[in-house]
């Protein structure tokens, strides 16, 4: 007696073996310039695939290799192993200049997110210009967060996935301490204050270096 047609049709929707799913995830991550979320992986892969499980196996398989499967926020990417980053440095270093105000604003958002503009100004002790916020948004290092359920419903700011990816962070919890920030040029080691009249030179530019 032949099997019901329904059983034969069901076999058409069986997910590929996990080894094949790993290969699919690997191919997608390798070809993607930006980190890819689990949902995006599932949407691209055949019906029934479990990209989350495939990622776990793939991440273990890449342990100790020159490239690694790395989590970036809520997404995943294939990135050069952290201890080999020096091999990727260019002889000609491209610079991106940020004002001291922009660097301080970025640091406050990263360490205090979600944070409103008023809270940023309270921490810095000075007004934050619209241009500073616009620049950081244009660089895709910060974005708008949820509005606070307080009078006026002020908007908040948080760092982006691109910010985490640029600095090799899985989440904002992995942000470095003050010593590491100064050594990376993100904070200045300021000398003790002296009695003198402030000048425009005090608002000098600080350089961020990209690999």
Protein backbone atom coordinates (compact mmCIF):
# COMPACT_ATOMS: atom_id res chain seq x y z
CA UNK A 1 0.00 0.00 0.00
CA UNK A 2 1.47 3.36 -1.01
CA UNK A 3 2.03 6.13 1.52
CA UNK A 4 -0.41 9.07 1.61
CA UNK A 5 0.53 11.90 -0.67
CA UNK A 6 0.79 14.24 2.33
CA UNK A 7 3.81 12.36 3.72
CA UNK A 8 5.63 12.63 0.40
CA UNK A 9 4.99 16.36 0.26
CA UNK A 10 6.23 16.86 3.81
CA UNK A 11 9.69 15.65 2.81
CA UNK A 12 9.94 18.63 0.45
CA UNK A 13 10.03 20.95 3.47
CA UNK A 14 12.62 19.14 5.55
CA UNK A 15 15.42 21.45 6.63
CA UNK A 16 18.91 20.73 5.28
CA UNK A 17 21.37 18.96 7.62
CA UNK A 18 22.95 21.21 10.25
CA UNK A 19 26.31 21.01 8.50
CA UNK A 20 24.73 22.45 5.36
CA UNK A 21 22.99 25.15 7.41
CA UNK A 22 26.38 26.14 8.85
CA UNK A 23 27.71 26.52 5.31
CA UNK A 24 24.76 28.72 4.37
CA UNK A 25 25.22 30.97 7.40
CA UNK A 26 28.95 31.16 6.69
CA UNK A 27 28.32 32.18 3.08
CA UNK A 28 25.83 34.90 4.05
CA UNK A 29 28.07 36.40 6.74
CA UNK A 30 31.13 36.29 4.48
CA UNK A 31 29.32 38.13 1.68
CA UNK A 32 27.69 40.76 3.94
CA UNK A 33 29.52 44.00 4.60
CA UNK A 34 27.25 44.70 7.58
CA UNK A 35 26.37 42.41 10.51
CA UNK A 36 23.34 40.17 9.89
CA UNK A 37 20.62 39.39 12.44
CA UNK A 38 19.28 35.91 13.14
CA UNK A 39 15.93 36.92 11.65
CA UNK A 40 17.61 38.05 8.42
CA UNK A 41 19.49 34.75 8.25
CA UNK A 42 16.30 32.75 8.75
CA UNK A 43 14.53 34.80 6.07
CA UNK A 44 17.24 34.01 3.52
CA UNK A 45 17.66 30.32 4.35
CA UNK A 46 15.33 27.44 3.37
CA UNK A 47 12.19 26.74 5.36
CA UNK A 48 12.82 24.98 8.67
CA UNK A 49 16.44 26.09 9.11
CA UNK A 50 17.66 27.12 12.56
CA UNK A 51 20.27 29.82 11.95
CA UNK A 52 20.70 30.46 15.70
CA UNK A 53 21.87 26.89 16.27
CA UNK A 54 24.00 26.99 13.12
CA UNK A 55 25.69 30.14 14.44
CA UNK A 56 26.61 28.38 17.69
CA UNK A 57 28.31 25.54 15.80
CA UNK A 58 29.95 27.92 13.34
CA UNK A 59 31.30 30.15 16.11
CA UNK A 60 32.94 27.13 17.80
CA UNK A 61 34.42 25.99 14.50
CA UNK A 62 36.10 29.37 14.03
CA UNK A 63 37.58 29.54 17.55
CA UNK A 64 41.31 30.20 17.40
CA UNK A 65 41.26 30.97 13.68
CA UNK A 66 42.40 34.14 11.91
CA UNK A 67 38.80 35.22 11.48
CA UNK A 68 35.98 34.68 13.93
CA UNK A 69 32.20 34.66 13.99
CA UNK A 70 31.46 37.65 16.21
CA UNK A 71 28.28 38.98 17.76
CA UNK A 72 27.74 42.69 17.17
CA UNK A 73 24.79 43.98 19.17
CA UNK A 74 21.84 41.86 18.01
CA UNK A 75 23.54 40.73 14.81
CA UNK A 76 26.48 38.57 13.68
CA UNK A 77 29.49 39.07 11.42
CA UNK A 78 32.77 37.47 10.35
CA UNK A 79 35.61 39.65 11.57
CA UNK A 80 39.40 39.47 11.88
CA UNK A 81 40.56 38.04 15.21
CA UNK A 82 41.23 40.86 17.64
CA UNK A 83 44.87 39.94 18.24
CA UNK A 84 45.58 40.10 14.50
CA UNK A 85 44.14 43.54 13.90
CA UNK A 86 47.62 45.04 13.57
CA UNK A 87 48.04 43.16 10.29
CA UNK A 88 45.19 45.13 8.76
CA UNK A 89 46.68 48.57 9.45
CA UNK A 90 47.43 50.73 6.44
CA UNK A 91 50.64 52.65 6.00
CA UNK A 92 48.58 55.73 5.17
CA UNK A 93 46.28 56.45 8.09
CA UNK A 94 42.99 58.11 7.27
CA UNK A 95 41.86 60.58 9.88
CA UNK A 96 38.43 61.71 10.94
CA UNK A 97 38.41 64.84 13.02
CA UNK A 98 35.96 65.28 15.85
CA UNK A 99 35.80 68.30 18.10
CA UNK A 100 36.26 67.86 21.82
CA UNK A 101 32.55 68.59 22.21
CA UNK A 102 31.65 65.75 19.81
CA UNK A 103 33.95 63.26 21.55
CA UNK A 104 32.61 64.15 24.99
CA UNK A 105 29.02 63.94 23.74
CA UNK A 106 29.68 60.54 22.15
CA UNK A 107 31.31 59.23 25.33
CA UNK A 108 28.38 60.40 27.50
CA UNK A 109 25.85 58.73 25.20
CA UNK A 110 27.86 55.49 25.11
CA UNK A 111 28.22 55.26 28.90
CA UNK A 112 24.83 56.66 29.94
CA UNK A 113 22.46 55.51 27.17
CA UNK A 114 19.61 56.02 26.76
CA UNK A 115 20.23 59.68 27.55
CA UNK A 116 18.41 62.89 26.62
CA UNK A 117 20.00 66.06 25.30
CA UNK A 118 19.25 67.83 28.58
CA UNK A 119 21.02 65.08 30.50
CA UNK A 120 24.05 65.32 28.19
CA UNK A 121 24.20 69.06 28.83
CA UNK A 122 23.87 68.53 32.58
CA UNK A 123 26.80 66.08 32.61
CA UNK A 124 29.01 68.25 30.34
CA UNK A 125 28.00 71.49 32.01
CA UNK A 126 27.59 73.26 28.67
CA UNK A 127 25.02 73.43 25.89
CA UNK A 128 25.22 70.75 23.19
CA UNK A 129 24.97 72.26 19.72
CA UNK A 130 22.62 70.82 17.12
CA UNK A 131 25.59 70.41 14.78
CA UNK A 132 27.38 68.06 17.20
CA UNK A 133 24.37 65.73 17.43
CA UNK A 134 23.79 65.88 13.66
CA UNK A 135 27.44 64.97 12.97
CA UNK A 136 27.34 61.89 15.19
CA UNK A 137 24.05 60.80 13.63
CA UNK A 138 25.48 61.35 10.13
CA UNK A 139 28.47 59.16 11.06
CA UNK A 140 25.94 56.50 12.15
CA UNK A 141 27.53 56.28 15.60
CA UNK A 142 24.42 57.40 17.49
CA UNK A 143 20.70 57.20 16.77
CA UNK A 144 17.41 58.24 18.32
CA UNK A 145 16.12 55.99 21.11
CA UNK A 146 12.73 55.83 22.77
CA UNK A 147 11.08 58.97 24.10
CA UNK A 148 11.02 59.40 27.86
CA UNK A 149 7.60 59.16 29.48
CA UNK A 150 8.12 62.52 31.16
CA UNK A 151 6.71 66.00 30.46
CA UNK A 152 7.55 66.96 26.91
CA UNK A 153 8.44 63.35 26.09
CA UNK A 154 12.09 64.19 25.23
CA UNK A 155 13.85 61.91 22.76
CA UNK A 156 16.82 59.87 23.95
CA UNK A 157 20.06 58.94 22.18
CA UNK A 158 21.86 55.58 22.05
CA UNK A 159 24.94 54.29 20.22
CA UNK A 160 24.42 52.33 17.01
CA UNK A 161 25.42 48.86 15.92
CA UNK A 162 27.88 50.55 13.55
CA UNK A 163 29.58 52.20 16.54
CA UNK A 164 29.93 48.82 18.27
CA UNK A 165 31.22 47.20 15.09
CA UNK A 166 33.75 49.98 14.46
CA UNK A 167 35.31 49.53 17.90
CA UNK A 168 34.96 45.72 17.98
CA UNK A 169 32.41 45.64 20.81
CA UNK A 170 29.67 43.07 21.33
CA UNK A 171 27.60 45.49 23.40
CA UNK A 172 27.93 48.79 25.25
CA UNK A 173 28.78 46.76 28.38
CA UNK A 174 32.16 46.02 26.76
CA UNK A 175 33.16 49.70 26.59
CA UNK A 176 36.72 50.32 27.85
CA UNK A 177 37.66 52.27 30.96
CA UNK A 178 39.11 55.77 31.11
CA UNK A 179 42.71 54.51 30.77
CA UNK A 180 41.90 52.64 27.55
CA UNK A 181 39.95 55.61 26.16
CA UNK A 182 42.89 57.95 26.70
CA UNK A 183 45.38 55.54 25.13
CA UNK A 184 43.10 55.26 22.08
CA UNK A 185 42.95 59.05 21.75
CA UNK A 186 39.26 59.26 22.63
CA UNK A 187 39.91 61.27 25.77
CA UNK A 188 42.58 63.85 26.43
CA UNK A 189 44.85 63.68 29.45
CA UNK A 190 44.17 67.23 30.49
CA UNK A 191 46.72 69.09 32.65
CA UNK A 192 45.62 70.79 35.90
CA UNK A 193 43.66 74.01 35.25
CA UNK A 194 45.54 77.31 35.34
CA UNK A 195 44.38 80.87 35.82
CA UNK A 196 44.06 82.35 32.32
CA UNK A 197 41.48 83.58 29.85
CA UNK A 198 39.98 80.77 27.67
CA UNK A 199 40.74 81.00 23.95
CA UNK A 200 39.39 79.39 20.79
CA UNK A 201 42.41 77.11 20.83
CA UNK A 202 40.88 75.32 23.84
CA UNK A 203 38.22 73.96 21.50
CA UNK A 204 40.88 72.27 19.35
CA UNK A 205 40.35 69.19 17.28
CA UNK A 206 41.06 65.62 18.39
CA UNK A 207 41.70 62.93 15.82
CA UNK A 208 40.12 59.50 15.67
CA UNK A 209 42.10 56.99 13.64
CA UNK A 210 40.50 54.28 11.58
CA UNK A 211 42.27 51.12 10.53
